[in-house]
Amino acid sequence: MALSITEAEYVSLATASADVLWTKQLLADLKINCLGSIPIYEDNQSCIHSLKTWNQKRLKHIDVKYNFVRDLQQKKIFDIQYILTENQKADILTKPLAPDVFKRHRNALGMR
């Protein structure tokens, strides 16, 4: 169980990153190249800051297995970018939304 929102976001980011790496490898196996770094949008600024300046005193309890995402960003495989929470389309899959916000995200994803 996560002890803070930052930790929960960090673990979720690492899990999503592993899925993106798997998808990138699948595309490579299909001879579809993904050139450049892959953007991943994160709405938690503390999580993004932790990627750049690791503070082991505050987050020392996070397992080493989640820190690979820092290496991927430093190698420029991923480009972790900040996005405002109200623009985070992934929220449609993770939390209850007001009807107008739900419709906006649904339309932004190209769903009708």
PDB file of N, CA and C in Angstrom:
ATOM      1  N   MET A   1       0.843  -1.173   0.000  1.00  0.00           N
ATOM      2  CA  MET A   1       0.000   0.000   0.000  1.00  0.00           C
ATOM      3  C   MET A   1       0.893   1.243   0.000  1.00  0.00           C
ATOM      4  N   ALA A   2       0.558   2.199  -0.819  1.00  0.00           N
ATOM      5  CA  ALA A   2       1.345   3.422  -0.916  1.00  0.00           C
ATOM      6  C   ALA A   2       1.147   4.277   0.333  1.00  0.00           C
ATOM      7  N   LEU A   3       2.219   4.914   0.761  1.00  0.00           N
ATOM      8  CA  LEU A   3       2.159   5.762   1.951  1.00  0.00           C
ATOM      9  C   LEU A   3       1.922   7.224   1.603  1.00  0.00           C
ATOM     10  N   SER A   4       1.993   7.566   0.325  1.00  0.00           N
ATOM     11  CA  SER A   4       1.745   8.939  -0.084  1.00  0.00           C
ATOM     12  C   SER A   4       1.226   8.942  -1.513  1.00  0.00           C
ATOM     13  N   ILE A   5       0.641  10.059  -1.913  1.00  0.00           N
ATOM     14  CA  ILE A   5       0.162  10.202  -3.285  1.00  0.00           C
ATOM     15  C   ILE A   5       1.339  10.157  -4.247  1.00  0.00           C
ATOM     16  N   THR A   6       2.443  10.788  -3.880  1.00  0.00           N
ATOM     17  CA  THR A   6       3.622  10.778  -4.740  1.00  0.00           C
ATOM     18  C   THR A   6       4.095   9.353  -4.970  1.00  0.00           C
ATOM     19  N   GLU A   7       4.140   8.567  -3.917  1.00  0.00           N
ATOM     20  CA  GLU A   7       4.576   7.174  -4.055  1.00  0.00           C
ATOM     21  C   GLU A   7       3.615   6.397  -4.949  1.00  0.00           C
ATOM     22  N   ALA A   8       2.323   6.581  -4.758  1.00  0.00           N
ATOM     23  CA  ALA A   8       1.335   5.876  -5.577  1.00  0.00           C
ATOM     24  C   ALA A   8       1.475   6.264  -7.048  1.00  0.00           C
ATOM     25  N   GLU A   9       1.677   7.544  -7.312  1.00  0.00           N
ATOM     26  CA  GLU A   9       1.863   8.012  -8.687  1.00  0.00           C
ATOM     27  C   GLU A   9       3.152   7.440  -9.277  1.00  0.00           C
ATOM     28  N   TYR A  10       4.193   7.364  -8.466  1.00  0.00           N
ATOM     29  CA  TYR A  10       5.491   6.849  -8.920  1.00  0.00           C
ATOM     30  C   TYR A  10       5.373   5.369  -9.300  1.00  0.00           C
ATOM     31  N   VAL A  11       4.694   4.604  -8.478  1.00  0.00           N
ATOM     32  CA  VAL A  11       4.495   3.180  -8.759  1.00  0.00           C
ATOM     33  C   VAL A  11       3.631   3.013 -10.006  1.00  0.00           C
ATOM     34  N   SER A  12       2.584   3.816 -10.139  1.00  0.00           N
ATOM     35  CA  SER A  12       1.726   3.751 -11.323  1.00  0.00           C
ATOM     36  C   SER A  12       2.491   4.131 -12.584  1.00  0.00           C
ATOM     37  N   LEU A  13       3.346   5.139 -12.477  1.00  0.00           N
ATOM     38  CA  LEU A  13       4.163   5.556 -13.617  1.00  0.00           C
ATOM     39  C   LEU A  13       5.102   4.431 -14.043  1.00  0.00           C
ATOM     40  N   ALA A  14       5.695   3.754 -13.076  1.00  0.00           N
ATOM     41  CA  ALA A  14       6.600   2.639 -13.392  1.00  0.00           C
ATOM     42  C   ALA A  14       5.832   1.495 -14.044  1.00  0.00           C
ATOM     43  N   THR A  15       4.642   1.209 -13.566  1.00  0.00           N
ATOM     44  CA  THR A  15       3.816   0.143 -14.143  1.00  0.00           C
ATOM     45  C   THR A  15       3.416   0.494 -15.573  1.00  0.00           C
ATOM     46  N   ALA A  16       2.978   1.727 -15.783  1.00  0.00           N
ATOM     47  CA  ALA A  16       2.608   2.174 -17.133  1.00  0.00           C
ATOM     48  C   ALA A  16       3.821   2.143 -18.061  1.00  0.00           C
ATOM     49  N   SER A  17       4.981   2.521 -17.544  1.00  0.00           N
ATOM     50  CA  SER A  17       6.205   2.521 -18.349  1.00  0.00           C
ATOM     51  C   SER A  17       6.550   1.117 -18.816  1.00  0.00           C
ATOM     52  N   ALA A  18       6.372   0.144 -17.950  1.00  0.00           N
ATOM     53  CA  ALA A  18       6.636  -1.246 -18.332  1.00  0.00           C
ATOM     54  C   ALA A  18       5.689  -1.679 -19.456  1.00  0.00           C
ATOM     55  N   ASP A  19       4.426  -1.260 -19.383  1.00  0.00           N
ATOM     56  CA  ASP A  19       3.464  -1.578 -20.433  1.00  0.00           C
ATOM     57  C   ASP A  19       3.837  -0.905 -21.752  1.00  0.00           C
ATOM     58  N   VAL A  20       4.298   0.336 -21.672  1.00  0.00           N
ATOM     59  CA  VAL A  20       4.712   1.059 -22.882  1.00  0.00           C
ATOM     60  C   VAL A  20       5.931   0.386 -23.508  1.00  0.00           C
ATOM     61  N   LEU A  21       6.872  -0.047 -22.685  1.00  0.00           N
ATOM     62  CA  LEU A  21       8.047  -0.755 -23.211  1.00  0.00           C
ATOM     63  C   LEU A  21       7.635  -2.047 -23.910  1.00  0.00           C
ATOM     64  N   TRP A  22       6.691  -2.774 -23.326  1.00  0.00           N
ATOM     65  CA  TRP A  22       6.209  -4.010 -23.940  1.00  0.00           C
ATOM     66  C   TRP A  22       5.576  -3.703 -25.297  1.00  0.00           C
ATOM     67  N   THR A  23       4.747  -2.654 -25.357  1.00  0.00           N
ATOM     68  CA  THR A  23       4.096  -2.267 -26.610  1.00  0.00           C
ATOM     69  C   THR A  23       5.118  -1.836 -27.646  1.00  0.00           C
ATOM     70  N   LYS A  24       6.134  -1.090 -27.213  1.00  0.00           N
ATOM     71  CA  LYS A  24       7.194  -0.659 -28.130  1.00  0.00           C
ATOM     72  C   LYS A  24       7.917  -1.874 -28.712  1.00  0.00           C
ATOM     73  N   GLN A  25       8.180  -2.878 -27.886  1.00  0.00           N
ATOM     74  CA  GLN A  25       8.848  -4.086 -28.372  1.00  0.00           C
ATOM     75  C   GLN A  25       7.949  -4.865 -29.331  1.00  0.00           C
ATOM     76  N   LEU A  26       6.657  -4.918 -29.026  1.00  0.00           N
ATOM     77  CA  LEU A  26       5.710  -5.579 -29.924  1.00  0.00           C
ATOM     78  C   LEU A  26       5.718  -4.904 -31.293  1.00  0.00           C
ATOM     79  N   LEU A  27       5.684  -3.570 -31.303  1.00  0.00           N
ATOM     80  CA  LEU A  27       5.729  -2.833 -32.569  1.00  0.00           C
ATOM     81  C   LEU A  27       7.036  -3.096 -33.304  1.00  0.00           C
ATOM     82  N   ALA A  28       8.146  -3.153 -32.586  1.00  0.00           N
ATOM     83  CA  ALA A  28       9.439  -3.448 -33.211  1.00  0.00           C
ATOM     84  C   ALA A  28       9.425  -4.849 -33.835  1.00  0.00           C
ATOM     85  N   ASP A  29       8.802  -5.815 -33.151  1.00  0.00           N
ATOM     86  CA  ASP A  29       8.690  -7.173 -33.699  1.00  0.00           C
ATOM     87  C   ASP A  29       7.862  -7.190 -34.987  1.00  0.00           C
ATOM     88  N   LEU A  30       6.933  -6.250 -35.083  1.00  0.00           N
ATOM     89  CA  LEU A  30       6.099  -6.128 -36.285  1.00  0.00           C
ATOM     90  C   LEU A  30       6.740  -5.223 -37.336  1.00  0.00           C
ATOM     91  N   LYS A  31       8.009  -4.862 -37.094  1.00  0.00           N
ATOM     92  CA  LYS A  31       8.790  -4.008 -37.997  1.00  0.00           C
ATOM     93  C   LYS A  31       8.232  -2.585 -38.087  1.00  0.00           C
ATOM     94  N   ILE A  32       7.652  -2.125 -36.995  1.00  0.00           N
ATOM     95  CA  ILE A  32       7.174  -0.743 -36.890  1.00  0.00           C
ATOM     96  C   ILE A  32       8.082  -0.045 -35.893  1.00  0.00           C
ATOM     97  N   ASN A  33       8.853   0.907 -36.374  1.00  0.00           N
ATOM     98  CA  ASN A  33       9.817   1.594 -35.509  1.00  0.00           C
ATOM     99  C   ASN A  33       9.189   2.791 -34.817  1.00  0.00           C
ATOM    100  N   CYS A  34       9.474   2.938 -33.545  1.00  0.00           N
ATOM    101  CA  CYS A  34       9.066   4.101 -32.768  1.00  0.00           C
ATOM    102  C   CYS A  34      10.323   4.943 -32.542  1.00  0.00           C
ATOM    103  N   LEU A  35      10.465   5.961 -33.337  1.00  0.00           N
ATOM    104  CA  LEU A  35      11.649   6.804 -33.228  1.00  0.00           C
ATOM    105  C   LEU A  35      11.425   7.906 -32.204  1.00  0.00           C
ATOM    106  N   GLY A  36      12.479   8.309 -31.563  1.00  0.00           N
ATOM    107  CA  GLY A  36      12.394   9.383 -30.574  1.00  0.00           C
ATOM    108  C   GLY A  36      11.870   8.883 -29.239  1.00  0.00           C
ATOM    109  N   SER A  37      11.863   9.798 -28.291  1.00  0.00           N
ATOM    110  CA  SER A  37      11.378   9.416 -26.959  1.00  0.00           C
ATOM    111  C   SER A  37       9.850   9.415 -26.949  1.00  0.00           C
ATOM    112  N   ILE A  38       9.308   8.544 -26.133  1.00  0.00           N
ATOM    113  CA  ILE A  38       7.860   8.365 -26.036  1.00  0.00           C
ATOM    114  C   ILE A  38       7.334   9.273 -24.940  1.00  0.00           C
ATOM    115  N   PRO A  39       6.385  10.149 -25.261  1.00  0.00           N
ATOM    116  CA  PRO A  39       5.837  11.019 -24.204  1.00  0.00           C
ATOM    117  C   PRO A  39       4.894  10.244 -23.284  1.00  0.00           C
ATOM    118  N   ILE A  40       5.062  10.462 -22.000  1.00  0.00           N
ATOM    119  CA  ILE A  40       4.146   9.924 -20.994  1.00  0.00           C
ATOM    120  C   ILE A  40       3.702  11.115 -20.157  1.00  0.00           C
ATOM    121  N   TYR A  41       2.405  11.285 -20.030  1.00  0.00           N
ATOM    122  CA  TYR A  41       1.854  12.450 -19.351  1.00  0.00           C
ATOM    123  C   TYR A  41       1.537  12.118 -17.900  1.00  0.00           C
ATOM    124  N   GLU A  42       2.057  12.928 -17.010  1.00  0.00           N
ATOM    125  CA  GLU A  42       1.905  12.748 -15.563  1.00  0.00           C
ATOM    126  C   GLU A  42       1.358  14.043 -14.980  1.00  0.00           C
ATOM    127  N   ASP A  43       0.318  13.929 -14.139  1.00  0.00           N
ATOM    128  CA  ASP A  43      -0.276  15.131 -13.558  1.00  0.00           C
ATOM    129  C   ASP A  43       0.157  15.389 -12.115  1.00  0.00           C
ATOM    130  N   ASN A  44       1.142  14.649 -11.634  1.00  0.00           N
ATOM    131  CA  ASN A  44       1.640  14.860 -10.279  1.00  0.00           C
ATOM    132  C   ASN A  44       3.057  15.427 -10.354  1.00  0.00           C
ATOM    133  N   GLN A  45       3.188  16.703 -10.011  1.00  0.00           N
ATOM    134  CA  GLN A  45       4.480  17.368 -10.126  1.00  0.00           C
ATOM    135  C   GLN A  45       5.519  16.798  -9.166  1.00  0.00           C
ATOM    136  N   SER A  46       5.108  16.333  -8.009  1.00  0.00           N
ATOM    137  CA  SER A  46       6.056  15.728  -7.067  1.00  0.00           C
ATOM    138  C   SER A  46       6.663  14.458  -7.640  1.00  0.00           C
ATOM    139  N   CYS A  47       5.863  13.701  -8.350  1.00  0.00           N
ATOM    140  CA  CYS A  47       6.344  12.476  -8.984  1.00  0.00           C
ATOM    141  C   CYS A  47       7.386  12.821 -10.052  1.00  0.00           C
ATOM    142  N   ILE A  48       7.097  13.812 -10.879  1.00  0.00           N
ATOM    143  CA  ILE A  48       8.039  14.228 -11.926  1.00  0.00           C
ATOM    144  C   ILE A  48       9.324  14.758 -11.293  1.00  0.00           C
ATOM    145  N   HIS A  49       9.184  15.541 -10.247  1.00  0.00           N
ATOM    146  CA  HIS A  49      10.362  16.086  -9.555  1.00  0.00           C
ATOM    147  C   HIS A  49      11.213  14.956  -8.972  1.00  0.00           C
ATOM    148  N   SER A  50      10.563  13.918  -8.449  1.00  0.00           N
ATOM    149  CA  SER A  50      11.299  12.786  -7.879  1.00  0.00           C
ATOM    150  C   SER A  50      12.109  12.053  -8.935  1.00  0.00           C
ATOM    151  N   LEU A  51      11.622  12.053 -10.174  1.00  0.00           N
ATOM    152  CA  LEU A  51      12.374  11.425 -11.260  1.00  0.00           C
ATOM    153  C   LEU A  51      13.676  12.166 -11.536  1.00  0.00           C
ATOM    154  N   LYS A  52      13.609  13.485 -11.420  1.00  0.00           N
ATOM    155  CA  LYS A  52      14.763  14.312 -11.779  1.00  0.00           C
ATOM    156  C   LYS A  52      15.759  14.444 -10.631  1.00  0.00           C
ATOM    157  N   THR A  53      15.255  14.627  -9.431  1.00  0.00           N
ATOM    158  CA  THR A  53      16.133  14.799  -8.264  1.00  0.00           C
ATOM    159  C   THR A  53      15.695  13.817  -7.188  1.00  0.00           C
ATOM    160  N   TRP A  54      16.262  12.638  -7.234  1.00  0.00           N
ATOM    161  CA  TRP A  54      15.877  11.581  -6.313  1.00  0.00           C
ATOM    162  C   TRP A  54      16.259  11.948  -4.884  1.00  0.00           C
ATOM    163  N   ASN A  55      15.273  11.990  -4.009  1.00  0.00           N
ATOM    164  CA  ASN A  55      15.477  12.281  -2.598  1.00  0.00           C
ATOM    165  C   ASN A  55      15.262  10.979  -1.831  1.00  0.00           C
ATOM    166  N   GLN A  56      16.332  10.284  -1.558  1.00  0.00           N
ATOM    167  CA  GLN A  56      16.205   8.965  -0.946  1.00  0.00           C
ATOM    168  C   GLN A  56      15.665   9.027   0.480  1.00  0.00           C
ATOM    169  N   LYS A  57      15.784  10.156   1.138  1.00  0.00           N
ATOM    170  CA  LYS A  57      15.278  10.238   2.509  1.00  0.00           C
ATOM    171  C   LYS A  57      13.754  10.180   2.533  1.00  0.00           C
ATOM    172  N   ARG A  58      13.106  10.843   1.580  1.00  0.00           N
ATOM    173  CA  ARG A  58      11.651  10.887   1.580  1.00  0.00           C
ATOM    174  C   ARG A  58      11.023   9.658   0.937  1.00  0.00           C
ATOM    175  N   LEU A  59      11.701   9.079  -0.047  1.00  0.00           N
ATOM    176  CA  LEU A  59      11.112   7.978  -0.796  1.00  0.00           C
ATOM    177  C   LEU A  59      11.959   6.710  -0.739  1.00  0.00           C
ATOM    178  N   LYS A  60      12.747   6.561   0.317  1.00  0.00           N
ATOM    179  CA  LYS A  60      13.666   5.426   0.386  1.00  0.00           C
ATOM    180  C   LYS A  60      12.948   4.088   0.465  1.00  0.00           C
ATOM    181  N   HIS A  61      11.677   4.099   0.845  1.00  0.00           N
ATOM    182  CA  HIS A  61      10.933   2.857   0.984  1.00  0.00           C
ATOM    183  C   HIS A  61      10.384   2.352  -0.356  1.00  0.00           C
ATOM    184  N   ILE A  62      10.514   3.144  -1.434  1.00  0.00           N
ATOM    185  CA  ILE A  62      10.071   2.679  -2.741  1.00  0.00           C
ATOM    186  C   ILE A  62      11.042   1.621  -3.241  1.00  0.00           C
ATOM    187  N   ASP A  63      10.506   0.517  -3.652  1.00  0.00           N
ATOM    188  CA  ASP A  63      11.309  -0.611  -4.097  1.00  0.00           C
ATOM    189  C   ASP A  63      12.149  -0.240  -5.315  1.00  0.00           C
ATOM    190  N   VAL A  64      13.324  -0.813  -5.400  1.00  0.00           N
ATOM    191  CA  VAL A  64      14.247  -0.566  -6.506  1.00  0.00           C
ATOM    192  C   VAL A  64      13.603  -0.892  -7.848  1.00  0.00           C
ATOM    193  N   LYS A  65      12.690  -1.848  -7.871  1.00  0.00           N
ATOM    194  CA  LYS A  65      12.089  -2.259  -9.145  1.00  0.00           C
ATOM    195  C   LYS A  65      11.305  -1.137  -9.810  1.00  0.00           C
ATOM    196  N   TYR A  66      10.904  -0.117  -9.060  1.00  0.00           N
ATOM    197  CA  TYR A  66      10.164   0.989  -9.640  1.00  0.00           C
ATOM    198  C   TYR A  66      11.075   2.097 -10.160  1.00  0.00           C
ATOM    199  N   ASN A  67      12.337   2.060  -9.789  1.00  0.00           N
ATOM    200  CA  ASN A  67      13.248   3.132 -10.175  1.00  0.00           C
ATOM    201  C   ASN A  67      13.782   3.018 -11.600  1.00  0.00           C
ATOM    202  N   PHE A  68      13.442   1.931 -12.303  1.00  0.00           N
ATOM    203  CA  PHE A  68      13.920   1.812 -13.673  1.00  0.00           C
ATOM    204  C   PHE A  68      13.372   2.923 -14.555  1.00  0.00           C
ATOM    205  N   VAL A  69      12.228   3.480 -14.186  1.00  0.00           N
ATOM    206  CA  VAL A  69      11.641   4.553 -14.992  1.00  0.00           C
ATOM    207  C   VAL A  69      12.549   5.791 -15.003  1.00  0.00           C
ATOM    208  N   ARG A  70      13.281   6.017 -13.933  1.00  0.00           N
ATOM    209  CA  ARG A  70      14.247   7.125 -13.905  1.00  0.00           C
ATOM    210  C   ARG A  70      15.334   6.908 -14.952  1.00  0.00           C
ATOM    211  N   ASP A  71      15.821   5.678 -15.039  1.00  0.00           N
ATOM    212  CA  ASP A  71      16.850   5.361 -16.027  1.00  0.00           C
ATOM    213  C   ASP A  71      16.325   5.542 -17.451  1.00  0.00           C
ATOM    214  N   LEU A  72      15.087   5.134 -17.689  1.00  0.00           N
ATOM    215  CA  LEU A  72      14.509   5.261 -19.028  1.00  0.00           C
ATOM    216  C   LEU A  72      14.352   6.725 -19.427  1.00  0.00           C
ATOM    217  N   GLN A  73      14.016   7.569 -18.464  1.00  0.00           N
ATOM    218  CA  GLN A  73      13.904   8.998 -18.771  1.00  0.00           C
ATOM    219  C   GLN A  73      15.284   9.596 -19.028  1.00  0.00           C
ATOM    220  N   GLN A  74      16.260   9.218 -18.220  1.00  0.00           N
ATOM    221  CA  GLN A  74      17.616   9.745 -18.414  1.00  0.00           C
ATOM    222  C   GLN A  74      18.208   9.295 -19.745  1.00  0.00           C
ATOM    223  N   LYS A  75      17.847   8.097 -20.212  1.00  0.00           N
ATOM    224  CA  LYS A  75      18.320   7.599 -21.507  1.00  0.00           C
ATOM    225  C   LYS A  75      17.488   8.157 -22.665  1.00  0.00           C
ATOM    226  N   LYS A  76      16.495   8.983 -22.342  1.00  0.00           N
ATOM    227  CA  LYS A  76      15.617   9.626 -23.320  1.00  0.00           C
ATOM    228  C   LYS A  76      14.754   8.629 -24.103  1.00  0.00           C
ATOM    229  N   ILE A  77      14.468   7.498 -23.482  1.00  0.00           N
ATOM    230  CA  ILE A  77      13.513   6.565 -24.070  1.00  0.00           C
ATOM    231  C   ILE A  77      12.102   7.087 -23.818  1.00  0.00           C
ATOM    232  N   PHE A  78      11.916   7.657 -22.626  1.00  0.00           N
ATOM    233  CA  PHE A  78      10.650   8.289 -22.265  1.00  0.00           C
ATOM    234  C   PHE A  78      10.861   9.773 -22.043  1.00  0.00           C
ATOM    235  N   ASP A  79       9.808  10.528 -22.298  1.00  0.00           N
ATOM    236  CA  ASP A  79       9.795  11.947 -21.999  1.00  0.00           C
ATOM    237  C   ASP A  79       8.588  12.181 -21.095  1.00  0.00           C
ATOM    238  N   ILE A  80       8.827  12.216 -19.793  1.00  0.00           N
ATOM    239  CA  ILE A  80       7.739  12.399 -18.831  1.00  0.00           C
ATOM    240  C   ILE A  80       7.377  13.881 -18.830  1.00  0.00           C
ATOM    241  N   GLN A  81       6.140  14.169 -19.181  1.00  0.00           N
ATOM    242  CA  GLN A  81       5.682  15.547 -19.309  1.00  0.00           C
ATOM    243  C   GLN A  81       4.539  15.820 -18.349  1.00  0.00           C
ATOM    244  N   TYR A  82       4.536  17.037 -17.801  1.00  0.00           N
ATOM    245  CA  TYR A  82       3.454  17.444 -16.906  1.00  0.00           C
ATOM    246  C   TYR A  82       2.217  17.797 -17.723  1.00  0.00           C
ATOM    247  N   ILE A  83       1.076  17.376 -17.215  1.00  0.00           N
ATOM    248  CA  ILE A  83      -0.205  17.738 -17.809  1.00  0.00           C
ATOM    249  C   ILE A  83      -1.143  18.142 -16.673  1.00  0.00           C
ATOM    250  N   LEU A  84      -1.932  19.166 -16.902  1.00  0.00           N
ATOM    251  CA  LEU A  84      -2.896  19.582 -15.885  1.00  0.00           C
ATOM    252  C   LEU A  84      -3.879  18.442 -15.622  1.00  0.00           C
ATOM    253  N   THR A  85      -4.273  18.293 -14.390  1.00  0.00           N
ATOM    254  CA  THR A  85      -5.176  17.212 -14.010  1.00  0.00           C
ATOM    255  C   THR A  85      -6.459  17.243 -14.833  1.00  0.00           C
ATOM    256  N   GLU A  86      -7.010  18.435 -15.084  1.00  0.00           N
ATOM    257  CA  GLU A  86      -8.271  18.505 -15.835  1.00  0.00           C
ATOM    258  C   GLU A  86      -8.107  18.098 -17.303  1.00  0.00           C
ATOM    259  N   ASN A  87      -6.869  17.996 -17.788  1.00  0.00           N
ATOM    260  CA  ASN A  87      -6.617  17.560 -19.162  1.00  0.00           C
ATOM    261  C   ASN A  87      -6.141  16.115 -19.251  1.00  0.00           C
ATOM    262  N   GLN A  88      -6.080  15.434 -18.123  1.00  0.00           N
ATOM    263  CA  GLN A  88      -5.574  14.059 -18.080  1.00  0.00           C
ATOM    264  C   GLN A  88      -6.671  13.101 -18.548  1.00  0.00           C
ATOM    265  N   LYS A  89      -6.598  12.706 -19.829  1.00  0.00           N
ATOM    266  CA  LYS A  89      -7.635  11.855 -20.425  1.00  0.00           C
ATOM    267  C   LYS A  89      -7.700  10.476 -19.764  1.00  0.00           C
ATOM    268  N   ALA A  90      -6.606  10.020 -19.194  1.00  0.00           N
ATOM    269  CA  ALA A  90      -6.598   8.703 -18.553  1.00  0.00           C
ATOM    270  C   ALA A  90      -7.550   8.643 -17.366  1.00  0.00           C
ATOM    271  N   ASP A  91      -7.940   9.790 -16.822  1.00  0.00           N
ATOM    272  CA  ASP A  91      -8.862   9.799 -15.679  1.00  0.00           C
ATOM    273  C   ASP A  91     -10.195   9.145 -16.014  1.00  0.00           C
ATOM    274  N   ILE A  92     -10.557   9.109 -17.290  1.00  0.00           N
ATOM    275  CA  ILE A  92     -11.823   8.479 -17.681  1.00  0.00           C
ATOM    276  C   ILE A  92     -11.822   6.995 -17.317  1.00  0.00           C
ATOM    277  N   LEU A  93     -10.633   6.413 -17.198  1.00  0.00           N
ATOM    278  CA  LEU A  93     -10.516   4.988 -16.881  1.00  0.00           C
ATOM    279  C   LEU A  93     -10.233   4.720 -15.408  1.00  0.00           C
ATOM    280  N   THR A  94      -9.957   5.770 -14.628  1.00  0.00           N
ATOM    281  CA  THR A  94      -9.482   5.530 -13.264  1.00  0.00           C
ATOM    282  C   THR A  94     -10.309   6.146 -12.153  1.00  0.00           C
ATOM    283  N   LYS A  95     -11.234   7.043 -12.492  1.00  0.00           N
ATOM    284  CA  LYS A  95     -11.988   7.690 -11.417  1.00  0.00           C
ATOM    285  C   LYS A  95     -13.355   8.152 -11.900  1.00  0.00           C
ATOM    286  N   PRO A  96     -14.284   8.325 -10.970  1.00  0.00           N
ATOM    287  CA  PRO A  96     -15.595   8.846 -11.367  1.00  0.00           C
ATOM    288  C   PRO A  96     -15.465  10.318 -11.760  1.00  0.00           C
ATOM    289  N   LEU A  97     -16.127  10.689 -12.847  1.00  0.00           N
ATOM    290  CA  LEU A  97     -16.048  12.054 -13.355  1.00  0.00           C
ATOM    291  C   LEU A  97     -17.446  12.641 -13.498  1.00  0.00           C
ATOM    292  N   ALA A  98     -17.523  13.953 -13.417  1.00  0.00           N
ATOM    293  CA  ALA A  98     -18.783  14.646 -13.685  1.00  0.00           C
ATOM    294  C   ALA A  98     -19.152  14.391 -15.147  1.00  0.00           C
ATOM    295  N   PRO A  99     -20.436  14.380 -15.471  1.00  0.00           N
ATOM    296  CA  PRO A  99     -20.854  14.062 -16.844  1.00  0.00           C
ATOM    297  C   PRO A  99     -20.187  14.930 -17.917  1.00  0.00           C
ATOM    298  N   ASP A 100     -20.041  16.216 -17.672  1.00  0.00           N
ATOM    299  CA  ASP A 100     -19.427  17.083 -18.693  1.00  0.00           C
ATOM    300  C   ASP A 100     -17.944  16.769 -18.884  1.00  0.00           C
ATOM    301  N   VAL A 101     -17.242  16.456 -17.811  1.00  0.00           N
ATOM    302  CA  VAL A 101     -15.822  16.094 -17.910  1.00  0.00           C
ATOM    303  C   VAL A 101     -15.681  14.744 -18.610  1.00  0.00           C
ATOM    304  N   PHE A 102     -16.560  13.810 -18.261  1.00  0.00           N
ATOM    305  CA  PHE A 102     -16.543  12.500 -18.906  1.00  0.00           C
ATOM    306  C   PHE A 102     -16.731  12.640 -20.416  1.00  0.00           C
ATOM    307  N   LYS A 103     -17.719  13.442 -20.834  1.00  0.00           N
ATOM    308  CA  LYS A 103     -17.992  13.632 -22.263  1.00  0.00           C
ATOM    309  C   LYS A 103     -16.806  14.295 -22.962  1.00  0.00           C
ATOM    310  N   ARG A 104     -16.168  15.258 -22.303  1.00  0.00           N
ATOM    311  CA  ARG A 104     -15.020  15.945 -22.901  1.00  0.00           C
ATOM    312  C   ARG A 104     -13.869  14.968 -23.126  1.00  0.00           C
ATOM    313  N   HIS A 105     -13.570  14.145 -22.122  1.00  0.00           N
ATOM    314  CA  HIS A 105     -12.495  13.161 -22.256  1.00  0.00           C
ATOM    315  C   HIS A 105     -12.849  12.094 -23.287  1.00  0.00           C
ATOM    316  N   ARG A 106     -14.118  11.651 -23.272  1.00  0.00           N
ATOM    317  CA  ARG A 106     -14.561  10.651 -24.241  1.00  0.00           C
ATOM    318  C   ARG A 106     -14.393  11.179 -25.665  1.00  0.00           C
ATOM    319  N   ASN A 107     -14.799  12.425 -25.889  1.00  0.00           N
ATOM    320  CA  ASN A 107     -14.656  13.020 -27.219  1.00  0.00           C
ATOM    321  C   ASN A 107     -13.179  13.186 -27.596  1.00  0.00           C
ATOM    322  N   ALA A 108     -12.349  13.554 -26.639  1.00  0.00           N
ATOM    323  CA  ALA A 108     -10.910  13.737 -26.905  1.00  0.00           C
ATOM    324  C   ALA A 108     -10.247  12.416 -27.284  1.00  0.00           C
ATOM    325  N   LEU A 109     -10.805  11.303 -26.805  1.00  0.00           N
ATOM    326  CA  LEU A 109     -10.271   9.986 -27.140  1.00  0.00           C
ATOM    327  C   LEU A 109     -10.846   9.464 -28.458  1.00  0.00           C
ATOM    328  N   GLY A 110     -11.751  10.244 -29.078  1.00  0.00           N
ATOM    329  CA  GLY A 110     -12.343   9.833 -30.354  1.00  0.00           C
ATOM    330  C   GLY A 110     -13.447   8.813 -30.208  1.00  0.00           C
ATOM    331  N   MET A 111     -14.039   8.756 -29.017  1.00  0.00           N
ATOM    332  CA  MET A 111     -15.124   7.795 -28.772  1.00  0.00           C
ATOM    333  C   MET A 111     -16.460   8.530 -28.812  1.00  0.00           C
ATOM    334  N   ARG A 112     -17.463   7.851 -29.283  1.00  0.00           N
ATOM    335  CA  ARG A 112     -18.807   8.445 -29.329  1.00  0.00           C
ATOM    336  C   ARG A 112     -19.805   7.537 -28.658  1.00  0.00           C
TER     337      ARG A 112
END
